[in-house]
Amino acid sequence: SETYKCKEKIEYSSCSMKPGWNIKYKKAGRT
């Protein structure tokens, strides 16, 4: 958060790799 001046986004994923809640950090539209 501090290095890239971005905020987390908590999302639910149904993907088969790791289903459940996860946290994404994005900057300038890129994860």
Full PDB file with SEQRES, HELIX, SHEET, SSBOND, CRYST1, ORIGX, SCALE, CONECT and MASTER records, all heavy atoms in Angstrom:
SEQRES   1 A   31  SER GLU THR TYR LYS CYS LYS GLU LYS ILE GLU TYR SER          
SEQRES   2 A   31  SER CYS SER MET LYS PRO GLY TRP ASN ILE LYS TYR LYS          
SEQRES   3 A   31  LYS ALA GLY ARG THR                                          
SHEET    1 AA1 2 GLU A   8  SER A  13  0                                        
SHEET    2 AA1 2 GLY A  20  TYR A  25 -1                                        
CRYST1    1.000    1.000    1.000  90.00  90.00  90.00 P 1           1          
ORIGX1      1.000000  0.000000  0.000000        0.00000                         
ORIGX2      0.000000  1.000000  0.000000        0.00000                         
ORIGX3      0.000000  0.000000  1.000000        0.00000                         
SCALE1      1.000000  0.000000  0.000000        0.00000                         
SCALE2      0.000000  1.000000  0.000000        0.00000                         
SCALE3      0.000000  0.000000  1.000000        0.00000                         
ATOM      1  N   SER A   1       0.822  -1.216   0.000  1.00  0.00           N  
ATOM      2  CA  SER A   1       0.000   0.000   0.000  1.00  0.00           C  
ATOM      3  C   SER A   1       0.852   1.262   0.000  1.00  0.00           C  
ATOM      4  O   SER A   1       0.597   2.198  -0.749  1.00  0.00           O  
ATOM      5  CB  SER A   1      -0.927   0.037   1.211  1.00  0.00           C  
ATOM      6  OG  SER A   1      -1.899  -0.945   1.112  1.00  0.00           O  
ATOM      7  N   GLU A   2       1.861   1.292   0.869  1.00  0.00           N  
ATOM      8  CA  GLU A   2       2.698   2.483   0.998  1.00  0.00           C  
ATOM      9  C   GLU A   2       3.635   2.662  -0.191  1.00  0.00           C  
ATOM     10  O   GLU A   2       3.799   3.773  -0.692  1.00  0.00           O  
ATOM     11  CB  GLU A   2       3.495   2.416   2.303  1.00  0.00           C  
ATOM     12  CG  GLU A   2       2.602   2.553   3.527  1.00  0.00           C  
ATOM     13  CD  GLU A   2       3.289   2.169   4.820  1.00  0.00           C  
ATOM     14  OE1 GLU A   2       4.539   2.061   4.844  1.00  0.00           O  
ATOM     15  OE2 GLU A   2       2.564   1.978   5.817  1.00  0.00           O  
ATOM     16  N   THR A   3       4.245   1.595  -0.650  1.00  0.00           N  
ATOM     17  CA  THR A   3       5.195   1.684  -1.759  1.00  0.00           C  
ATOM     18  C   THR A   3       4.524   2.126  -3.051  1.00  0.00           C  
ATOM     19  O   THR A   3       5.055   2.952  -3.784  1.00  0.00           O  
ATOM     20  CB  THR A   3       5.905   0.325  -1.979  1.00  0.00           C  
ATOM     21  OG1 THR A   3       6.578  -0.046  -0.775  1.00  0.00           O  
ATOM     22  CG2 THR A   3       6.905   0.401  -3.122  1.00  0.00           C  
ATOM     23  N   TYR A   4       3.351   1.567  -3.330  1.00  0.00           N  
ATOM     24  CA  TYR A   4       2.696   1.816  -4.618  1.00  0.00           C  
ATOM     25  C   TYR A   4       1.493   2.753  -4.524  1.00  0.00           C  
ATOM     26  O   TYR A   4       0.819   2.984  -5.518  1.00  0.00           O  
ATOM     27  CB  TYR A   4       2.296   0.481  -5.259  1.00  0.00           C  
ATOM     28  CG  TYR A   4       3.519  -0.370  -5.480  1.00  0.00           C  
ATOM     29  CD1 TYR A   4       3.796  -1.450  -4.648  1.00  0.00           C  
ATOM     30  CD2 TYR A   4       4.429  -0.063  -6.479  1.00  0.00           C  
ATOM     31  CE1 TYR A   4       4.940  -2.205  -4.815  1.00  0.00           C  
ATOM     32  CE2 TYR A   4       5.575  -0.812  -6.661  1.00  0.00           C  
ATOM     33  CZ  TYR A   4       5.833  -1.887  -5.818  1.00  0.00           C  
ATOM     34  OH  TYR A   4       6.975  -2.628  -5.987  1.00  0.00           O  
ATOM     35  N   LYS A   5       1.255   3.282  -3.307  1.00  0.00           N  
ATOM     36  CA  LYS A   5       0.148   4.231  -3.106  1.00  0.00           C  
ATOM     37  C   LYS A   5      -1.164   3.678  -3.668  1.00  0.00           C  
ATOM     38  O   LYS A   5      -1.850   4.314  -4.456  1.00  0.00           O  
ATOM     39  CB  LYS A   5       0.459   5.587  -3.753  1.00  0.00           C  
ATOM     40  CG  LYS A   5       1.786   6.186  -3.367  1.00  0.00           C  
ATOM     41  CD  LYS A   5       1.827   6.568  -1.904  1.00  0.00           C  
ATOM     42  CE  LYS A   5       3.148   7.241  -1.556  1.00  0.00           C  
ATOM     43  NZ  LYS A   5       3.917   6.564  -0.559  1.00  0.00           N  
ATOM     44  N   CYS A   6      -1.469   2.444  -3.268  1.00  0.00           N  
ATOM     45  CA  CYS A   6      -2.703   1.815  -3.721  1.00  0.00           C  
ATOM     46  C   CYS A   6      -3.428   1.194  -2.537  1.00  0.00           C  
ATOM     47  O   CYS A   6      -2.836   0.960  -1.491  1.00  0.00           O  
ATOM     48  CB  CYS A   6      -2.426   0.775  -4.805  1.00  0.00           C  
ATOM     49  SG  CYS A   6      -1.336  -0.570  -4.301  1.00  0.00           S  
ATOM     50  N   LYS A   7      -4.703   0.941  -2.730  1.00  0.00           N  
ATOM     51  CA  LYS A   7      -5.534   0.363  -1.678  1.00  0.00           C  
ATOM     52  C   LYS A   7      -5.930  -1.049  -2.086  1.00  0.00           C  
ATOM     53  O   LYS A   7      -6.099  -1.341  -3.262  1.00  0.00           O  
ATOM     54  CB  LYS A   7      -6.779   1.238  -1.491  1.00  0.00           C  
ATOM     55  CG  LYS A   7      -7.613   0.847  -0.296  1.00  0.00           C  
ATOM     56  CD  LYS A   7      -8.517   2.001   0.116  1.00  0.00           C  
ATOM     57  CE  LYS A   7      -9.502   1.626   1.176  1.00  0.00           C  
ATOM     58  NZ  LYS A   7      -9.015   0.883   2.292  1.00  0.00           N  
ATOM     59  N   GLU A   8      -6.092  -1.887  -1.095  1.00  0.00           N  
ATOM     60  CA  GLU A   8      -6.489  -3.273  -1.354  1.00  0.00           C  
ATOM     61  C   GLU A   8      -7.939  -3.342  -1.829  1.00  0.00           C  
ATOM     62  O   GLU A   8      -8.752  -2.476  -1.516  1.00  0.00           O  
ATOM     63  CB  GLU A   8      -6.318  -4.131  -0.097  1.00  0.00           C  
ATOM     64  CG  GLU A   8      -7.373  -3.924   0.965  1.00  0.00           C  
ATOM     65  CD  GLU A   8      -7.159  -2.696   1.846  1.00  0.00           C  
ATOM     66  OE1 GLU A   8      -6.078  -2.084   1.813  1.00  0.00           O  
ATOM     67  OE2 GLU A   8      -8.091  -2.356   2.589  1.00  0.00           O  
ATOM     68  N   LYS A   9      -8.234  -4.391  -2.572  1.00  0.00           N  
ATOM     69  CA  LYS A   9      -9.604  -4.682  -2.962  1.00  0.00           C  
ATOM     70  C   LYS A   9      -9.870  -6.141  -2.581  1.00  0.00           C  
ATOM     71  O   LYS A   9      -9.179  -7.046  -3.044  1.00  0.00           O  
ATOM     72  CB  LYS A   9      -9.797  -4.475  -4.469  1.00  0.00           C  
ATOM     73  CG  LYS A   9     -11.231  -4.656  -4.891  1.00  0.00           C  
ATOM     74  CD  LYS A   9     -11.455  -4.257  -6.326  1.00  0.00           C  
ATOM     75  CE  LYS A   9     -12.943  -4.390  -6.634  1.00  0.00           C  
ATOM     76  NZ  LYS A   9     -13.226  -4.138  -8.025  1.00  0.00           N  
ATOM     77  N   ILE A  10     -10.842  -6.324  -1.721  1.00  0.00           N  
ATOM     78  CA  ILE A  10     -11.176  -7.678  -1.261  1.00  0.00           C  
ATOM     79  C   ILE A  10     -12.261  -8.220  -2.174  1.00  0.00           C  
ATOM     80  O   ILE A  10     -13.305  -7.592  -2.360  1.00  0.00           O  
ATOM     81  CB  ILE A  10     -11.626  -7.644   0.217  1.00  0.00           C  
ATOM     82  CG1 ILE A  10     -10.483  -7.102   1.086  1.00  0.00           C  
ATOM     83  CG2 ILE A  10     -12.060  -9.030   0.681  1.00  0.00           C  
ATOM     84  CD1 ILE A  10     -10.863  -6.800   2.515  1.00  0.00           C  
ATOM     85  N   GLU A  11     -11.992  -9.390  -2.767  1.00  0.00           N  
ATOM     86  CA  GLU A  11     -12.914  -9.984  -3.735  1.00  0.00           C  
ATOM     87  C   GLU A  11     -13.099 -11.467  -3.436  1.00  0.00           C  
ATOM     88  O   GLU A  11     -12.202 -12.115  -2.909  1.00  0.00           O  
ATOM     89  CB  GLU A  11     -12.357  -9.859  -5.154  1.00  0.00           C  
ATOM     90  CG  GLU A  11     -12.180  -8.442  -5.640  1.00  0.00           C  
ATOM     91  CD  GLU A  11     -11.608  -8.375  -7.047  1.00  0.00           C  
ATOM     92  OE1 GLU A  11     -11.061  -9.378  -7.539  1.00  0.00           O  
ATOM     93  OE2 GLU A  11     -11.705  -7.301  -7.659  1.00  0.00           O  
ATOM     94  N   TYR A  12     -14.261 -11.973  -3.854  1.00  0.00           N  
ATOM     95  CA  TYR A  12     -14.501 -13.414  -3.735  1.00  0.00           C  
ATOM     96  C   TYR A  12     -14.193 -14.050  -5.079  1.00  0.00           C  
ATOM     97  O   TYR A  12     -14.607 -13.555  -6.124  1.00  0.00           O  
ATOM     98  CB  TYR A  12     -15.951 -13.718  -3.347  1.00  0.00           C  
ATOM     99  CG  TYR A  12     -16.130 -15.176  -2.997  1.00  0.00           C  
ATOM    100  CD1 TYR A  12     -15.899 -15.627  -1.699  1.00  0.00           C  
ATOM    101  CD2 TYR A  12     -16.492 -16.106  -3.958  1.00  0.00           C  
ATOM    102  CE1 TYR A  12     -16.033 -16.964  -1.375  1.00  0.00           C  
ATOM    103  CE2 TYR A  12     -16.626 -17.455  -3.631  1.00  0.00           C  
ATOM    104  CZ  TYR A  12     -16.390 -17.867  -2.345  1.00  0.00           C  
ATOM    105  OH  TYR A  12     -16.512 -19.198  -2.021  1.00  0.00           O  
ATOM    106  N   SER A  13     -13.467 -15.142  -5.048  1.00  0.00           N  
ATOM    107  CA  SER A  13     -13.111 -15.836  -6.274  1.00  0.00           C  
ATOM    108  C   SER A  13     -13.645 -17.265  -6.234  1.00  0.00           C  
ATOM    109  O   SER A  13     -13.521 -17.953  -5.223  1.00  0.00           O  
ATOM    110  CB  SER A  13     -11.589 -15.881  -6.432  1.00  0.00           C  
ATOM    111  OG  SER A  13     -11.245 -16.682  -7.532  1.00  0.00           O  
ATOM    112  N   SER A  14     -14.207 -17.680  -7.340  1.00  0.00           N  
ATOM    113  CA  SER A  14     -14.664 -19.062  -7.475  1.00  0.00           C  
ATOM    114  C   SER A  14     -13.674 -19.898  -8.276  1.00  0.00           C  
ATOM    115  O   SER A  14     -13.971 -21.031  -8.626  1.00  0.00           O  
ATOM    116  CB  SER A  14     -16.026 -19.094  -8.179  1.00  0.00           C  
ATOM    117  OG  SER A  14     -16.977 -18.401  -7.409  1.00  0.00           O  
ATOM    118  N   CYS A  15     -12.508 -19.323  -8.576  1.00  0.00           N  
ATOM    119  CA  CYS A  15     -11.538 -20.037  -9.418  1.00  0.00           C  
ATOM    120  C   CYS A  15     -11.099 -21.333  -8.734  1.00  0.00           C  
ATOM    121  O   CYS A  15     -11.089 -21.447  -7.514  1.00  0.00           O  
ATOM    122  CB  CYS A  15     -10.338 -19.162  -9.748  1.00  0.00           C  
ATOM    123  SG  CYS A  15      -9.115 -19.046  -8.446  1.00  0.00           S  
ATOM    124  N   SER A  16     -10.755 -22.278  -9.542  1.00  0.00           N  
ATOM    125  CA  SER A  16     -10.418 -23.604  -9.015  1.00  0.00           C  
ATOM    126  C   SER A  16      -9.065 -23.627  -8.314  1.00  0.00           C  
ATOM    127  O   SER A  16      -8.809 -24.496  -7.492  1.00  0.00           O  
ATOM    128  CB  SER A  16     -10.435 -24.635 -10.140  1.00  0.00           C  
ATOM    129  OG  SER A  16      -9.519 -24.254 -11.152  1.00  0.00           O  
ATOM    130  N   MET A  17      -8.177 -22.665  -8.612  1.00  0.00           N  
ATOM    131  CA  MET A  17      -6.854 -22.662  -7.976  1.00  0.00           C  
ATOM    132  C   MET A  17      -6.948 -22.399  -6.480  1.00  0.00           C  
ATOM    133  O   MET A  17      -6.378 -23.112  -5.680  1.00  0.00           O  
ATOM    134  CB  MET A  17      -5.942 -21.614  -8.628  1.00  0.00           C  
ATOM    135  CG  MET A  17      -5.387 -22.052  -9.960  1.00  0.00           C  
ATOM    136  SD  MET A  17      -4.373 -20.783 -10.738  1.00  0.00           S  
ATOM    137  CE  MET A  17      -2.936 -20.758  -9.706  1.00  0.00           C  
ATOM    138  N   LYS A  18      -7.633 -21.334  -6.101  1.00  0.00           N  
ATOM    139  CA  LYS A  18      -7.769 -20.937  -4.700  1.00  0.00           C  
ATOM    140  C   LYS A  18      -9.105 -20.240  -4.508  1.00  0.00           C  
ATOM    141  O   LYS A  18      -9.183 -19.024  -4.467  1.00  0.00           O  
ATOM    142  CB  LYS A  18      -6.646 -19.976  -4.300  1.00  0.00           C  
ATOM    143  CG  LYS A  18      -5.297 -20.594  -4.110  1.00  0.00           C  
ATOM    144  CD  LYS A  18      -5.145 -21.052  -2.698  1.00  0.00           C  
ATOM    145  CE  LYS A  18      -3.702 -21.453  -2.447  1.00  0.00           C  
ATOM    146  NZ  LYS A  18      -3.533 -22.068  -1.172  1.00  0.00           N  
ATOM    147  N   PRO A  19     -10.202 -20.992  -4.383  1.00  0.00           N  
ATOM    148  CA  PRO A  19     -11.502 -20.342  -4.178  1.00  0.00           C  
ATOM    149  C   PRO A  19     -11.582 -19.681  -2.803  1.00  0.00           C  
ATOM    150  O   PRO A  19     -10.884 -20.071  -1.875  1.00  0.00           O  
ATOM    151  CB  PRO A  19     -12.490 -21.501  -4.302  1.00  0.00           C  
ATOM    152  CG  PRO A  19     -11.699 -22.727  -3.994  1.00  0.00           C  
ATOM    153  CD  PRO A  19     -10.290 -22.439  -4.414  1.00  0.00           C  
ATOM    154  N   GLY A  20     -12.429 -18.659  -2.705  1.00  0.00           N  
ATOM    155  CA  GLY A  20     -12.634 -17.959  -1.441  1.00  0.00           C  
ATOM    156  C   GLY A  20     -12.260 -16.496  -1.563  1.00  0.00           C  
ATOM    157  O   GLY A  20     -12.005 -15.989  -2.652  1.00  0.00           O  
ATOM    158  N   TRP A  21     -12.230 -15.816  -0.429  1.00  0.00           N  
ATOM    159  CA  TRP A  21     -11.907 -14.396  -0.407  1.00  0.00           C  
ATOM    160  C   TRP A  21     -10.413 -14.202  -0.638  1.00  0.00           C  
ATOM    161  O   TRP A  21      -9.585 -14.974  -0.145  1.00  0.00           O  
ATOM    162  CB  TRP A  21     -12.313 -13.778   0.930  1.00  0.00           C  
ATOM    163  CG  TRP A  21     -13.793 -13.703   1.069  1.00  0.00           C  
ATOM    164  CD1 TRP A  21     -14.610 -14.540   1.792  1.00  0.00           C  
ATOM    165  CD2 TRP A  21     -14.664 -12.778   0.424  1.00  0.00           C  
ATOM    166  NE1 TRP A  21     -15.920 -14.185   1.631  1.00  0.00           N  
ATOM    167  CE2 TRP A  21     -15.988 -13.104   0.795  1.00  0.00           C  
ATOM    168  CE3 TRP A  21     -14.461 -11.702  -0.440  1.00  0.00           C  
ATOM    169  CZ2 TRP A  21     -17.093 -12.388   0.341  1.00  0.00           C  
ATOM    170  CZ3 TRP A  21     -15.565 -10.989  -0.889  1.00  0.00           C  
ATOM    171  CH2 TRP A  21     -16.857 -11.329  -0.501  1.00  0.00           C  
ATOM    172  N   ASN A  22     -10.073 -13.180  -1.422  1.00  0.00           N  
ATOM    173  CA  ASN A  22      -8.682 -12.838  -1.651  1.00  0.00           C  
ATOM    174  C   ASN A  22      -8.538 -11.322  -1.653  1.00  0.00           C  
ATOM    175  O   ASN A  22      -9.523 -10.596  -1.627  1.00  0.00           O  
ATOM    176  CB  ASN A  22      -8.161 -13.464  -2.942  1.00  0.00           C  
ATOM    177  CG  ASN A  22      -8.886 -12.973  -4.176  1.00  0.00           C  
ATOM    178  OD1 ASN A  22      -8.994 -11.775  -4.410  1.00  0.00           O  
ATOM    179  ND2 ASN A  22      -9.385 -13.901  -4.979  1.00  0.00           N  
ATOM    180  N   ILE A  23      -7.311 -10.866  -1.669  1.00  0.00           N  
ATOM    181  CA  ILE A  23      -7.014  -9.438  -1.640  1.00  0.00           C  
ATOM    182  C   ILE A  23      -6.176  -9.106  -2.859  1.00  0.00           C  
ATOM    183  O   ILE A  23      -5.142  -9.731  -3.100  1.00  0.00           O  
ATOM    184  CB  ILE A  23      -6.234  -9.045  -0.358  1.00  0.00           C  
ATOM    185  CG1 ILE A  23      -7.018  -9.452   0.898  1.00  0.00           C  
ATOM    186  CG2 ILE A  23      -5.937  -7.557  -0.332  1.00  0.00           C  
ATOM    187  CD1 ILE A  23      -6.533 -10.704   1.516  1.00  0.00           C  
ATOM    188  N   LYS A  24      -6.630  -8.115  -3.628  1.00  0.00           N  
ATOM    189  CA  LYS A  24      -5.885  -7.684  -4.805  1.00  0.00           C  
ATOM    190  C   LYS A  24      -5.334  -6.287  -4.571  1.00  0.00           C  
ATOM    191  O   LYS A  24      -5.991  -5.436  -3.980  1.00  0.00           O  
ATOM    192  CB  LYS A  24      -6.792  -7.642  -6.040  1.00  0.00           C  
ATOM    193  CG  LYS A  24      -7.083  -8.978  -6.643  1.00  0.00           C  
ATOM    194  CD  LYS A  24      -7.787  -8.796  -7.987  1.00  0.00           C  
ATOM    195  CE  LYS A  24      -7.889 -10.080  -8.754  1.00  0.00           C  
ATOM    196  NZ  LYS A  24      -8.761 -11.064  -8.278  1.00  0.00           N  
ATOM    197  N   TYR A  25      -4.129  -6.084  -5.075  1.00  0.00           N  
ATOM    198  CA  TYR A  25      -3.531  -4.756  -5.110  1.00  0.00           C  
ATOM    199  C   TYR A  25      -3.304  -4.404  -6.565  1.00  0.00           C  
ATOM    200  O   TYR A  25      -2.658  -5.161  -7.296  1.00  0.00           O  
ATOM    201  CB  TYR A  25      -2.201  -4.722  -4.339  1.00  0.00           C  
ATOM    202  CG  TYR A  25      -2.415  -4.687  -2.858  1.00  0.00           C  
ATOM    203  CD1 TYR A  25      -2.429  -5.859  -2.107  1.00  0.00           C  
ATOM    204  CD2 TYR A  25      -2.623  -3.483  -2.202  1.00  0.00           C  
ATOM    205  CE1 TYR A  25      -2.644  -5.823  -0.739  1.00  0.00           C  
ATOM    206  CE2 TYR A  25      -2.840  -3.441  -0.835  1.00  0.00           C  
ATOM    207  CZ  TYR A  25      -2.843  -4.615  -0.117  1.00  0.00           C  
ATOM    208  OH  TYR A  25      -3.072  -4.569   1.233  1.00  0.00           O  
ATOM    209  N   LYS A  26      -3.880  -3.261  -6.978  1.00  0.00           N  
ATOM    210  CA  LYS A  26      -3.773  -2.811  -8.370  1.00  0.00           C  
ATOM    211  C   LYS A  26      -3.196  -1.411  -8.399  1.00  0.00           C  
ATOM    212  O   LYS A  26      -3.446  -0.610  -7.511  1.00  0.00           O  
ATOM    213  CB  LYS A  26      -5.138  -2.788  -9.051  1.00  0.00           C  
ATOM    214  CG  LYS A  26      -5.760  -4.154  -9.231  1.00  0.00           C  
ATOM    215  CD  LYS A  26      -7.087  -4.053  -9.953  1.00  0.00           C  
ATOM    216  CE  LYS A  26      -7.681  -5.438 -10.151  1.00  0.00           C  
ATOM    217  NZ  LYS A  26      -8.898  -5.396 -10.954  1.00  0.00           N  
ATOM    218  N   LYS A  27      -2.457  -1.138  -9.463  1.00  0.00           N  
ATOM    219  CA  LYS A  27      -1.921   0.196  -9.693  1.00  0.00           C  
ATOM    220  C   LYS A  27      -1.986   0.465 -11.182  1.00  0.00           C  
ATOM    221  O   LYS A  27      -1.543  -0.363 -11.989  1.00  0.00           O  
ATOM    222  CB  LYS A  27      -0.469   0.270  -9.190  1.00  0.00           C  
ATOM    223  CG  LYS A  27       0.159   1.623  -9.305  1.00  0.00           C  
ATOM    224  CD  LYS A  27      -0.452   2.587  -8.319  1.00  0.00           C  
ATOM    225  CE  LYS A  27       0.237   3.947  -8.392  1.00  0.00           C  
ATOM    226  NZ  LYS A  27      -0.322   4.905  -7.491  1.00  0.00           N  
ATOM    227  N   ALA A  28      -2.564   1.580 -11.548  1.00  0.00           N  
ATOM    228  CA  ALA A  28      -2.677   1.993 -12.958  1.00  0.00           C  
ATOM    229  C   ALA A  28      -3.356   0.908 -13.794  1.00  0.00           C  
ATOM    230  O   ALA A  28      -2.950   0.616 -14.912  1.00  0.00           O  
ATOM    231  CB  ALA A  28      -1.312   2.351 -13.520  1.00  0.00           C  
ATOM    232  N   GLY A  29      -4.381   0.268 -13.219  1.00  0.00           N  
ATOM    233  CA  GLY A  29      -5.155  -0.729 -13.949  1.00  0.00           C  
ATOM    234  C   GLY A  29      -4.520  -2.113 -14.020  1.00  0.00           C  
ATOM    235  O   GLY A  29      -5.118  -3.038 -14.557  1.00  0.00           O  
ATOM    236  N   ARG A  30      -3.333  -2.275 -13.486  1.00  0.00           N  
ATOM    237  CA  ARG A  30      -2.645  -3.580 -13.493  1.00  0.00           C  
ATOM    238  C   ARG A  30      -2.675  -4.194 -12.102  1.00  0.00           C  
ATOM    239  O   ARG A  30      -2.436  -3.511 -11.113  1.00  0.00           O  
ATOM    240  CB  ARG A  30      -1.179  -3.425 -13.895  1.00  0.00           C  
ATOM    241  CG  ARG A  30      -0.985  -2.942 -15.299  1.00  0.00           C  
ATOM    242  CD  ARG A  30       0.459  -2.998 -15.689  1.00  0.00           C  
ATOM    243  NE  ARG A  30       0.782  -4.386 -16.002  1.00  0.00           N  
ATOM    244  CZ  ARG A  30       1.992  -4.837 -16.182  1.00  0.00           C  
ATOM    245  NH1 ARG A  30       3.015  -4.039 -16.070  1.00  0.00           N  
ATOM    246  NH2 ARG A  30       2.212  -6.110 -16.480  1.00  0.00           N  
ATOM    247  N   THR A  31      -2.933  -5.483 -12.049  1.00  0.00           N  
ATOM    248  CA  THR A  31      -2.866  -6.174 -10.768  1.00  0.00           C  
ATOM    249  C   THR A  31      -1.402  -6.412 -10.430  1.00  0.00           C  
ATOM    250  O   THR A  31      -0.682  -7.053 -11.192  1.00  0.00           O  
ATOM    251  CB  THR A  31      -3.633  -7.508 -10.814  1.00  0.00           C  
ATOM    252  OG1 THR A  31      -5.011  -7.236 -11.124  1.00  0.00           O  
ATOM    253  CG2 THR A  31      -3.555  -8.238  -9.490  1.00  0.00           C  
TER     254      THR A  31                                                      
MASTER        0    0    0    0    2    0    0    6  253    1    0    3          
END                                                                             
